[in-house]
Amino acid sequence: MATILRIASGVIVWALHFGLLYGFTALACARGFQHLVPAAVGAATALAALAAVAIVVRNLSSEFNRWLAAAIALAALVAILWEGVTVFMVPMCE
């Protein structure tokens, strides 16, 4: 079970980031707090990116399971950064 969680840890961080971003944005838009969205998205993206980088660094190894965990976390890092940058590309609350 620990190996499965280690391999999936990057995807778990990405999923939490994804849910937090879209959940917070929807709630902020519904309640009239649009001005908080960029700061919240920036903070959440920074934390998730740091977590993904930590997973990559911790699992750099020639052992296949650890290598796979690092590779998946690296792919999750790309997705996290891509989601985070959209706050500056797409209009909020329209």
PDB file of N, CA and C in Angstrom:
ATOM      1  N   MET A   1       0.821  -1.195   0.000  1.00  0.00           N
ATOM      2  CA  MET A   1       0.000   0.000   0.000  1.00  0.00           C
ATOM      3  C   MET A   1       0.867   1.262   0.000  1.00  0.00           C
ATOM      4  N   ALA A   2       1.974   1.238   0.728  1.00  0.00           N
ATOM      5  CA  ALA A   2       2.860   2.403   0.778  1.00  0.00           C
ATOM      6  C   ALA A   2       3.451   2.694  -0.597  1.00  0.00           C
ATOM      7  N   THR A   3       3.767   1.654  -1.352  1.00  0.00           N
ATOM      8  CA  THR A   3       4.315   1.851  -2.692  1.00  0.00           C
ATOM      9  C   THR A   3       3.286   2.494  -3.612  1.00  0.00           C
ATOM     10  N   ILE A   4       2.053   2.063  -3.515  1.00  0.00           N
ATOM     11  CA  ILE A   4       0.991   2.639  -4.342  1.00  0.00           C
ATOM     12  C   ILE A   4       0.791   4.113  -4.004  1.00  0.00           C
ATOM     13  N   LEU A   5       0.774   4.431  -2.720  1.00  0.00           N
ATOM     14  CA  LEU A   5       0.625   5.834  -2.315  1.00  0.00           C
ATOM     15  C   LEU A   5       1.819   6.673  -2.757  1.00  0.00           C
ATOM     16  N   ARG A   6       3.007   6.118  -2.681  1.00  0.00           N
ATOM     17  CA  ARG A   6       4.194   6.847  -3.121  1.00  0.00           C
ATOM     18  C   ARG A   6       4.108   7.132  -4.617  1.00  0.00           C
ATOM     19  N   ILE A   7       3.730   6.141  -5.394  1.00  0.00           N
ATOM     20  CA  ILE A   7       3.630   6.329  -6.839  1.00  0.00           C
ATOM     21  C   ILE A   7       2.531   7.329  -7.188  1.00  0.00           C
ATOM     22  N   ALA A   8       1.430   7.297  -6.465  1.00  0.00           N
ATOM     23  CA  ALA A   8       0.293   8.175  -6.753  1.00  0.00           C
ATOM     24  C   ALA A   8       0.392   9.540  -6.080  1.00  0.00           C
ATOM     25  N   SER A   9       1.389   9.783  -5.281  1.00  0.00           N
ATOM     26  CA  SER A   9       1.439  11.020  -4.504  1.00  0.00           C
ATOM     27  C   SER A   9       1.441  12.274  -5.375  1.00  0.00           C
ATOM     28  N   GLY A  10       2.095  12.265  -6.504  1.00  0.00           N
ATOM     29  CA  GLY A  10       2.077  13.423  -7.393  1.00  0.00           C
ATOM     30  C   GLY A  10       0.685  13.703  -7.932  1.00  0.00           C
ATOM     31  N   VAL A  11      -0.016  12.652  -8.306  1.00  0.00           N
ATOM     32  CA  VAL A  11      -1.380  12.812  -8.821  1.00  0.00           C
ATOM     33  C   VAL A  11      -2.317  13.279  -7.707  1.00  0.00           C
ATOM     34  N   ILE A  12      -2.090  12.816  -6.501  1.00  0.00           N
ATOM     35  CA  ILE A  12      -2.912  13.246  -5.361  1.00  0.00           C
ATOM     36  C   ILE A  12      -2.720  14.738  -5.113  1.00  0.00           C
ATOM     37  N   VAL A  13      -1.473  15.210  -5.148  1.00  0.00           N
ATOM     38  CA  VAL A  13      -1.211  16.643  -4.975  1.00  0.00           C
ATOM     39  C   VAL A  13      -1.888  17.435  -6.089  1.00  0.00           C
ATOM     40  N   TRP A  14      -1.769  16.961  -7.321  1.00  0.00           N
ATOM     41  CA  TRP A  14      -2.418  17.643  -8.440  1.00  0.00           C
ATOM     42  C   TRP A  14      -3.939  17.688  -8.258  1.00  0.00           C
ATOM     43  N   ALA A  15      -4.541  16.588  -7.868  1.00  0.00           N
ATOM     44  CA  ALA A  15      -5.997  16.533  -7.705  1.00  0.00           C
ATOM     45  C   ALA A  15      -6.472  17.478  -6.602  1.00  0.00           C
ATOM     46  N   LEU A  16      -5.735  17.534  -5.508  1.00  0.00           N
ATOM     47  CA  LEU A  16      -6.088  18.468  -4.434  1.00  0.00           C
ATOM     48  C   LEU A  16      -5.973  19.909  -4.924  1.00  0.00           C
ATOM     49  N   HIS A  17      -4.924  20.203  -5.659  1.00  0.00           N
ATOM     50  CA  HIS A  17      -4.742  21.542  -6.219  1.00  0.00           C
ATOM     51  C   HIS A  17      -5.880  21.876  -7.172  1.00  0.00           C
ATOM     52  N   PHE A  18      -6.203  20.978  -8.049  1.00  0.00           N
ATOM     53  CA  PHE A  18      -7.273  21.167  -9.027  1.00  0.00           C
ATOM     54  C   PHE A  18      -8.602  21.450  -8.329  1.00  0.00           C
ATOM     55  N   GLY A  19      -8.953  20.612  -7.361  1.00  0.00           N
ATOM     56  CA  GLY A  19     -10.214  20.793  -6.643  1.00  0.00           C
ATOM     57  C   GLY A  19     -10.252  22.094  -5.862  1.00  0.00           C
ATOM     58  N   LEU A  20      -9.152  22.436  -5.223  1.00  0.00           N
ATOM     59  CA  LEU A  20      -9.086  23.676  -4.460  1.00  0.00           C
ATOM     60  C   LEU A  20      -9.226  24.891  -5.361  1.00  0.00           C
ATOM     61  N   LEU A  21      -8.524  24.892  -6.489  1.00  0.00           N
ATOM     62  CA  LEU A  21      -8.597  26.030  -7.397  1.00  0.00           C
ATOM     63  C   LEU A  21     -10.008  26.251  -7.915  1.00  0.00           C
ATOM     64  N   TYR A  22     -10.607  25.223  -8.456  1.00  0.00           N
ATOM     65  CA  TYR A  22     -11.917  25.394  -9.049  1.00  0.00           C
ATOM     66  C   TYR A  22     -13.003  25.570  -7.999  1.00  0.00           C
ATOM     67  N   GLY A  23     -12.870  24.891  -6.880  1.00  0.00           N
ATOM     68  CA  GLY A  23     -13.846  25.072  -5.799  1.00  0.00           C
ATOM     69  C   GLY A  23     -13.789  26.472  -5.221  1.00  0.00           C
ATOM     70  N   PHE A  24     -12.585  26.965  -4.930  1.00  0.00           N
ATOM     71  CA  PHE A  24     -12.447  28.310  -4.375  1.00  0.00           C
ATOM     72  C   PHE A  24     -12.894  29.362  -5.375  1.00  0.00           C
ATOM     73  N   THR A  25     -12.514  29.203  -6.638  1.00  0.00           N
ATOM     74  CA  THR A  25     -12.898  30.176  -7.653  1.00  0.00           C
ATOM     75  C   THR A  25     -14.416  30.243  -7.794  1.00  0.00           C
ATOM     76  N   ALA A  26     -15.072  29.110  -7.821  1.00  0.00           N
ATOM     77  CA  ALA A  26     -16.527  29.092  -7.929  1.00  0.00           C
ATOM     78  C   ALA A  26     -17.181  29.759  -6.722  1.00  0.00           C
ATOM     79  N   LEU A  27     -16.688  29.448  -5.553  1.00  0.00           N
ATOM     80  CA  LEU A  27     -17.240  30.039  -4.334  1.00  0.00           C
ATOM     81  C   LEU A  27     -16.974  31.540  -4.284  1.00  0.00           C
ATOM     82  N   ALA A  28     -15.776  31.956  -4.622  1.00  0.00           N
ATOM     83  CA  ALA A  28     -15.434  33.382  -4.605  1.00  0.00           C
ATOM     84  C   ALA A  28     -16.272  34.153  -5.623  1.00  0.00           C
ATOM     85  N   CYS A  29     -16.487  33.588  -6.779  1.00  0.00           N
ATOM     86  CA  CYS A  29     -17.301  34.259  -7.791  1.00  0.00           C
ATOM     87  C   CYS A  29     -18.764  34.338  -7.359  1.00  0.00           C
ATOM     88  N   ALA A  30     -19.252  33.293  -6.739  1.00  0.00           N
ATOM     89  CA  ALA A  30     -20.646  33.283  -6.298  1.00  0.00           C
ATOM     90  C   ALA A  30     -20.893  34.267  -5.161  1.00  0.00           C
ATOM     91  N   ARG A  31     -19.884  34.505  -4.335  1.00  0.00           N
ATOM     92  CA  ARG A  31     -20.043  35.376  -3.161  1.00  0.00           C
ATOM     93  C   ARG A  31     -19.520  36.791  -3.387  1.00  0.00           C
ATOM     94  N   GLY A  32     -18.988  37.076  -4.574  1.00  0.00           N
ATOM     95  CA  GLY A  32     -18.523  38.429  -4.866  1.00  0.00           C
ATOM     96  C   GLY A  32     -17.130  38.751  -4.373  1.00  0.00           C
ATOM     97  N   PHE A  33     -16.285  37.734  -4.219  1.00  0.00           N
ATOM     98  CA  PHE A  33     -14.917  37.946  -3.760  1.00  0.00           C
ATOM     99  C   PHE A  33     -13.915  37.667  -4.883  1.00  0.00           C
ATOM    100  N   GLN A  34     -14.205  38.155  -6.081  1.00  0.00           N
ATOM    101  CA  GLN A  34     -13.346  37.911  -7.236  1.00  0.00           C
ATOM    102  C   GLN A  34     -11.920  38.413  -7.007  1.00  0.00           C
ATOM    103  N   HIS A  35     -11.762  39.463  -6.248  1.00  0.00           N
ATOM    104  CA  HIS A  35     -10.439  40.045  -6.027  1.00  0.00           C
ATOM    105  C   HIS A  35      -9.500  39.109  -5.257  1.00  0.00           C
ATOM    106  N   LEU A  36     -10.038  38.109  -4.571  1.00  0.00           N
ATOM    107  CA  LEU A  36      -9.212  37.167  -3.823  1.00  0.00           C
ATOM    108  C   LEU A  36      -8.690  36.007  -4.667  1.00  0.00           C
ATOM    109  N   VAL A  37      -9.276  35.808  -5.825  1.00  0.00           N
ATOM    110  CA  VAL A  37      -8.936  34.637  -6.640  1.00  0.00           C
ATOM    111  C   VAL A  37      -7.465  34.600  -7.061  1.00  0.00           C
ATOM    112  N   PRO A  38      -6.894  35.670  -7.627  1.00  0.00           N
ATOM    113  CA  PRO A  38      -5.485  35.564  -8.051  1.00  0.00           C
ATOM    114  C   PRO A  38      -4.523  35.234  -6.912  1.00  0.00           C
ATOM    115  N   ALA A  39      -4.699  35.850  -5.759  1.00  0.00           N
ATOM    116  CA  ALA A  39      -3.804  35.571  -4.628  1.00  0.00           C
ATOM    117  C   ALA A  39      -3.972  34.141  -4.133  1.00  0.00           C
ATOM    118  N   ALA A  40      -5.201  33.679  -4.047  1.00  0.00           N
ATOM    119  CA  ALA A  40      -5.451  32.315  -3.581  1.00  0.00           C
ATOM    120  C   ALA A  40      -4.902  31.289  -4.562  1.00  0.00           C
ATOM    121  N   VAL A  41      -5.107  31.532  -5.840  1.00  0.00           N
ATOM    122  CA  VAL A  41      -4.587  30.613  -6.861  1.00  0.00           C
ATOM    123  C   VAL A  41      -3.064  30.612  -6.840  1.00  0.00           C
ATOM    124  N   GLY A  42      -2.463  31.775  -6.702  1.00  0.00           N
ATOM    125  CA  GLY A  42      -1.005  31.860  -6.637  1.00  0.00           C
ATOM    126  C   GLY A  42      -0.437  31.109  -5.443  1.00  0.00           C
ATOM    127  N   ALA A  43      -1.055  31.298  -4.274  1.00  0.00           N
ATOM    128  CA  ALA A  43      -0.588  30.618  -3.067  1.00  0.00           C
ATOM    129  C   ALA A  43      -0.767  29.104  -3.180  1.00  0.00           C
ATOM    130  N   ALA A  44      -1.937  28.678  -3.648  1.00  0.00           N
ATOM    131  CA  ALA A  44      -2.197  27.241  -3.784  1.00  0.00           C
ATOM    132  C   ALA A  44      -1.257  26.605  -4.806  1.00  0.00           C
ATOM    133  N   THR A  45      -0.992  27.316  -5.881  1.00  0.00           N
ATOM    134  CA  THR A  45      -0.088  26.794  -6.914  1.00  0.00           C
ATOM    135  C   THR A  45       1.337  26.686  -6.388  1.00  0.00           C
ATOM    136  N   ALA A  46       1.770  27.692  -5.646  1.00  0.00           N
ATOM    137  CA  ALA A  46       3.119  27.643  -5.082  1.00  0.00           C
ATOM    138  C   ALA A  46       3.269  26.472  -4.112  1.00  0.00           C
ATOM    139  N   LEU A  47       2.293  26.276  -3.246  1.00  0.00           N
ATOM    140  CA  LEU A  47       2.360  25.170  -2.288  1.00  0.00           C
ATOM    141  C   LEU A  47       2.326  23.809  -2.987  1.00  0.00           C
ATOM    142  N   ALA A  48       1.438  23.669  -3.961  1.00  0.00           N
ATOM    143  CA  ALA A  48       1.345  22.397  -4.677  1.00  0.00           C
ATOM    144  C   ALA A  48       2.616  22.131  -5.487  1.00  0.00           C
ATOM    145  N   ALA A  49       3.165  23.177  -6.091  1.00  0.00           N
ATOM    146  CA  ALA A  49       4.404  23.005  -6.856  1.00  0.00           C
ATOM    147  C   ALA A  49       5.552  22.595  -5.942  1.00  0.00           C
ATOM    148  N   LEU A  50       5.636  23.205  -4.779  1.00  0.00           N
ATOM    149  CA  LEU A  50       6.679  22.815  -3.817  1.00  0.00           C
ATOM    150  C   LEU A  50       6.512  21.364  -3.379  1.00  0.00           C
ATOM    151  N   ALA A  51       5.277  20.960  -3.154  1.00  0.00           N
ATOM    152  CA  ALA A  51       5.028  19.568  -2.763  1.00  0.00           C
ATOM    153  C   ALA A  51       5.432  18.611  -3.878  1.00  0.00           C
ATOM    154  N   ALA A  52       5.102  18.954  -5.126  1.00  0.00           N
ATOM    155  CA  ALA A  52       5.458  18.090  -6.255  1.00  0.00           C
ATOM    156  C   ALA A  52       6.977  18.018  -6.428  1.00  0.00           C
ATOM    157  N   VAL A  53       7.647  19.148  -6.278  1.00  0.00           N
ATOM    158  CA  VAL A  53       9.113  19.153  -6.387  1.00  0.00           C
ATOM    159  C   VAL A  53       9.724  18.305  -5.276  1.00  0.00           C
ATOM    160  N   ALA A  54       9.170  18.405  -4.066  1.00  0.00           N
ATOM    161  CA  ALA A  54       9.672  17.592  -2.950  1.00  0.00           C
ATOM    162  C   ALA A  54       9.501  16.103  -3.238  1.00  0.00           C
ATOM    163  N   ILE A  55       8.393  15.734  -3.843  1.00  0.00           N
ATOM    164  CA  ILE A  55       8.164  14.330  -4.197  1.00  0.00           C
ATOM    165  C   ILE A  55       9.182  13.881  -5.241  1.00  0.00           C
ATOM    166  N   VAL A  56       9.438  14.724  -6.234  1.00  0.00           N
ATOM    167  CA  VAL A  56      10.414  14.380  -7.270  1.00  0.00           C
ATOM    168  C   VAL A  56      11.788  14.186  -6.646  1.00  0.00           C
ATOM    169  N   VAL A  57      12.222  15.148  -5.839  1.00  0.00           N
ATOM    170  CA  VAL A  57      13.559  15.079  -5.242  1.00  0.00           C
ATOM    171  C   VAL A  57      13.691  13.870  -4.314  1.00  0.00           C
ATOM    172  N   ARG A  58      12.665  13.622  -3.540  1.00  0.00           N
ATOM    173  CA  ARG A  58      12.719  12.505  -2.586  1.00  0.00           C
ATOM    174  C   ARG A  58      12.776  11.146  -3.279  1.00  0.00           C
ATOM    175  N   ASN A  59      12.208  11.057  -4.459  1.00  0.00           N
ATOM    176  CA  ASN A  59      12.110   9.759  -5.122  1.00  0.00           C
ATOM    177  C   ASN A  59      13.083   9.573  -6.276  1.00  0.00           C
ATOM    178  N   LEU A  60      14.029  10.476  -6.449  1.00  0.00           N
ATOM    179  CA  LEU A  60      15.018  10.274  -7.498  1.00  0.00           C
ATOM    180  C   LEU A  60      15.893   9.081  -7.136  1.00  0.00           C
ATOM    181  N   SER A  61      15.765   8.049  -7.925  1.00  0.00           N
ATOM    182  CA  SER A  61      16.467   6.810  -7.648  1.00  0.00           C
ATOM    183  C   SER A  61      16.432   5.939  -8.891  1.00  0.00           C
ATOM    184  N   SER A  62      17.291   4.956  -8.924  1.00  0.00           N
ATOM    185  CA  SER A  62      17.269   4.014 -10.042  1.00  0.00           C
ATOM    186  C   SER A  62      16.266   2.883  -9.800  1.00  0.00           C
ATOM    187  N   GLU A  63      15.736   2.797  -8.585  1.00  0.00           N
ATOM    188  CA  GLU A  63      14.698   1.799  -8.299  1.00  0.00           C
ATOM    189  C   GLU A  63      13.444   2.191  -9.082  1.00  0.00           C
ATOM    190  N   PHE A  64      12.841   1.230  -9.770  1.00  0.00           N
ATOM    191  CA  PHE A  64      11.745   1.534 -10.692  1.00  0.00           C
ATOM    192  C   PHE A  64      10.578   2.234 -10.011  1.00  0.00           C
ATOM    193  N   ASN A  65      10.131   1.740  -8.866  1.00  0.00           N
ATOM    194  CA  ASN A  65       8.966   2.334  -8.204  1.00  0.00           C
ATOM    195  C   ASN A  65       9.228   3.787  -7.818  1.00  0.00           C
ATOM    196  N   ARG A  66      10.405   4.068  -7.330  1.00  0.00           N
ATOM    197  CA  ARG A  66      10.747   5.454  -6.963  1.00  0.00           C
ATOM    198  C   ARG A  66      10.898   6.323  -8.208  1.00  0.00           C
ATOM    199  N   TRP A  67      11.515   5.776  -9.246  1.00  0.00           N
ATOM    200  CA  TRP A  67      11.640   6.518 -10.495  1.00  0.00           C
ATOM    201  C   TRP A  67      10.265   6.850 -11.061  1.00  0.00           C
ATOM    202  N   LEU A  68       9.356   5.885 -11.012  1.00  0.00           N
ATOM    203  CA  LEU A  68       8.001   6.098 -11.509  1.00  0.00           C
ATOM    204  C   LEU A  68       7.285   7.174 -10.698  1.00  0.00           C
ATOM    205  N   ALA A  69       7.436   7.145  -9.386  1.00  0.00           N
ATOM    206  CA  ALA A  69       6.829   8.173  -8.531  1.00  0.00           C
ATOM    207  C   ALA A  69       7.369   9.552  -8.885  1.00  0.00           C
ATOM    208  N   ALA A  70       8.670   9.660  -9.119  1.00  0.00           N
ATOM    209  CA  ALA A  70       9.272  10.941  -9.488  1.00  0.00           C
ATOM    210  C   ALA A  70       8.781  11.405 -10.855  1.00  0.00           C
ATOM    211  N   ALA A  71       8.676  10.501 -11.799  1.00  0.00           N
ATOM    212  CA  ALA A  71       8.223  10.863 -13.142  1.00  0.00           C
ATOM    213  C   ALA A  71       6.767  11.323 -13.129  1.00  0.00           C
ATOM    214  N   ILE A  72       5.932  10.633 -12.385  1.00  0.00           N
ATOM    215  CA  ILE A  72       4.526  11.021 -12.295  1.00  0.00           C
ATOM    216  C   ILE A  72       4.392  12.361 -11.574  1.00  0.00           C
ATOM    217  N   ALA A  73       5.174  12.576 -10.532  1.00  0.00           N
ATOM    218  CA  ALA A  73       5.138  13.860  -9.822  1.00  0.00           C
ATOM    219  C   ALA A  73       5.627  14.988 -10.723  1.00  0.00           C
ATOM    220  N   LEU A  74       6.587  14.720 -11.584  1.00  0.00           N
ATOM    221  CA  LEU A  74       7.062  15.727 -12.523  1.00  0.00           C
ATOM    222  C   LEU A  74       5.963  16.089 -13.527  1.00  0.00           C
ATOM    223  N   ALA A  75       5.244  15.089 -14.009  1.00  0.00           N
ATOM    224  CA  ALA A  75       4.111  15.356 -14.901  1.00  0.00           C
ATOM    225  C   ALA A  75       3.019  16.139 -14.161  1.00  0.00           C
ATOM    226  N   ALA A  76       2.797  15.799 -12.899  1.00  0.00           N
ATOM    227  CA  ALA A  76       1.817  16.529 -12.094  1.00  0.00           C
ATOM    228  C   ALA A  76       2.264  17.968 -11.885  1.00  0.00           C
ATOM    229  N   LEU A  77       3.557  18.203 -11.729  1.00  0.00           N
ATOM    230  CA  LEU A  77       4.080  19.558 -11.577  1.00  0.00           C
ATOM    231  C   LEU A  77       3.767  20.400 -12.812  1.00  0.00           C
ATOM    232  N   VAL A  78       3.933  19.823 -13.979  1.00  0.00           N
ATOM    233  CA  VAL A  78       3.592  20.538 -15.214  1.00  0.00           C
ATOM    234  C   VAL A  78       2.106  20.897 -15.213  1.00  0.00           C
ATOM    235  N   ALA A  79       1.251  19.964 -14.827  1.00  0.00           N
ATOM    236  CA  ALA A  79      -0.195  20.227 -14.779  1.00  0.00           C
ATOM    237  C   ALA A  79      -0.526  21.293 -13.738  1.00  0.00           C
ATOM    238  N   ILE A  80       0.127  21.249 -12.599  1.00  0.00           N
ATOM    239  CA  ILE A  80      -0.107  22.235 -11.540  1.00  0.00           C
ATOM    240  C   ILE A  80       0.260  23.635 -12.028  1.00  0.00           C
ATOM    241  N   LEU A  81       1.413  23.762 -12.660  1.00  0.00           N
ATOM    242  CA  LEU A  81       1.837  25.068 -13.159  1.00  0.00           C
ATOM    243  C   LEU A  81       0.924  25.557 -14.281  1.00  0.00           C
ATOM    244  N   TRP A  82       0.483  24.649 -15.122  1.00  0.00           N
ATOM    245  CA  TRP A  82      -0.420  25.010 -16.210  1.00  0.00           C
ATOM    246  C   TRP A  82      -1.748  25.517 -15.660  1.00  0.00           C
ATOM    247  N   GLU A  83      -2.274  24.844 -14.648  1.00  0.00           N
ATOM    248  CA  GLU A  83      -3.523  25.298 -14.019  1.00  0.00           C
ATOM    249  C   GLU A  83      -3.331  26.651 -13.345  1.00  0.00           C
ATOM    250  N   GLY A  84      -2.208  26.842 -12.696  1.00  0.00           N
ATOM    251  CA  GLY A  84      -1.967  28.077 -11.974  1.00  0.00           C
ATOM    252  C   GLY A  84      -1.842  29.284 -12.879  1.00  0.00           C
ATOM    253  N   VAL A  85      -1.271  29.097 -14.057  1.00  0.00           N
ATOM    254  CA  VAL A  85      -1.066  30.221 -14.964  1.00  0.00           C
ATOM    255  C   VAL A  85      -2.375  30.650 -15.635  1.00  0.00           C
ATOM    256  N   THR A  86      -3.361  29.797 -15.658  1.00  0.00           N
ATOM    257  CA  THR A  86      -4.623  30.142 -16.323  1.00  0.00           C
ATOM    258  C   THR A  86      -5.347  31.302 -15.645  1.00  0.00           C
ATOM    259  N   VAL A  87      -5.080  31.532 -14.367  1.00  0.00           N
ATOM    260  CA  VAL A  87      -5.731  32.644 -13.676  1.00  0.00           C
ATOM    261  C   VAL A  87      -5.342  33.975 -14.317  1.00  0.00           C
ATOM    262  N   PHE A  88      -4.196  34.021 -14.970  1.00  0.00           N
ATOM    263  CA  PHE A  88      -3.756  35.246 -15.631  1.00  0.00           C
ATOM    264  C   PHE A  88      -4.141  35.288 -17.105  1.00  0.00           C
ATOM    265  N   MET A  89      -4.668  34.187 -17.628  1.00  0.00           N
ATOM    266  CA  MET A  89      -4.995  34.105 -19.049  1.00  0.00           C
ATOM    267  C   MET A  89      -6.499  34.133 -19.319  1.00  0.00           C
ATOM    268  N   VAL A  90      -7.284  33.701 -18.349  1.00  0.00           N
ATOM    269  CA  VAL A  90      -8.726  33.560 -18.548  1.00  0.00           C
ATOM    270  C   VAL A  90      -9.438  34.525 -17.603  1.00  0.00           C
ATOM    271  N   PRO A  91     -10.424  35.257 -18.091  1.00  0.00           N
ATOM    272  CA  PRO A  91     -11.146  36.158 -17.191  1.00  0.00           C
ATOM    273  C   PRO A  91     -11.888  35.387 -16.099  1.00  0.00           C
ATOM    274  N   MET A  92     -11.825  35.897 -14.900  1.00  0.00           N
ATOM    275  CA  MET A  92     -12.495  35.250 -13.766  1.00  0.00           C
ATOM    276  C   MET A  92     -13.957  35.685 -13.697  1.00  0.00           C
ATOM    277  N   CYS A  93     -14.773  34.808 -13.252  1.00  0.00           N
ATOM    278  CA  CYS A  93     -16.161  35.098 -12.868  1.00  0.00           C
ATOM    279  C   CYS A  93     -16.992  35.692 -13.990  1.00  0.00           C
ATOM    280  N   GLU A  94     -16.924  35.136 -15.159  1.00  0.00           N
ATOM    281  CA  GLU A  94     -17.773  35.635 -16.248  1.00  0.00           C
ATOM    282  C   GLU A  94     -18.751  34.609 -16.689  1.00  0.00           C
TER     283      GLU A  94
END
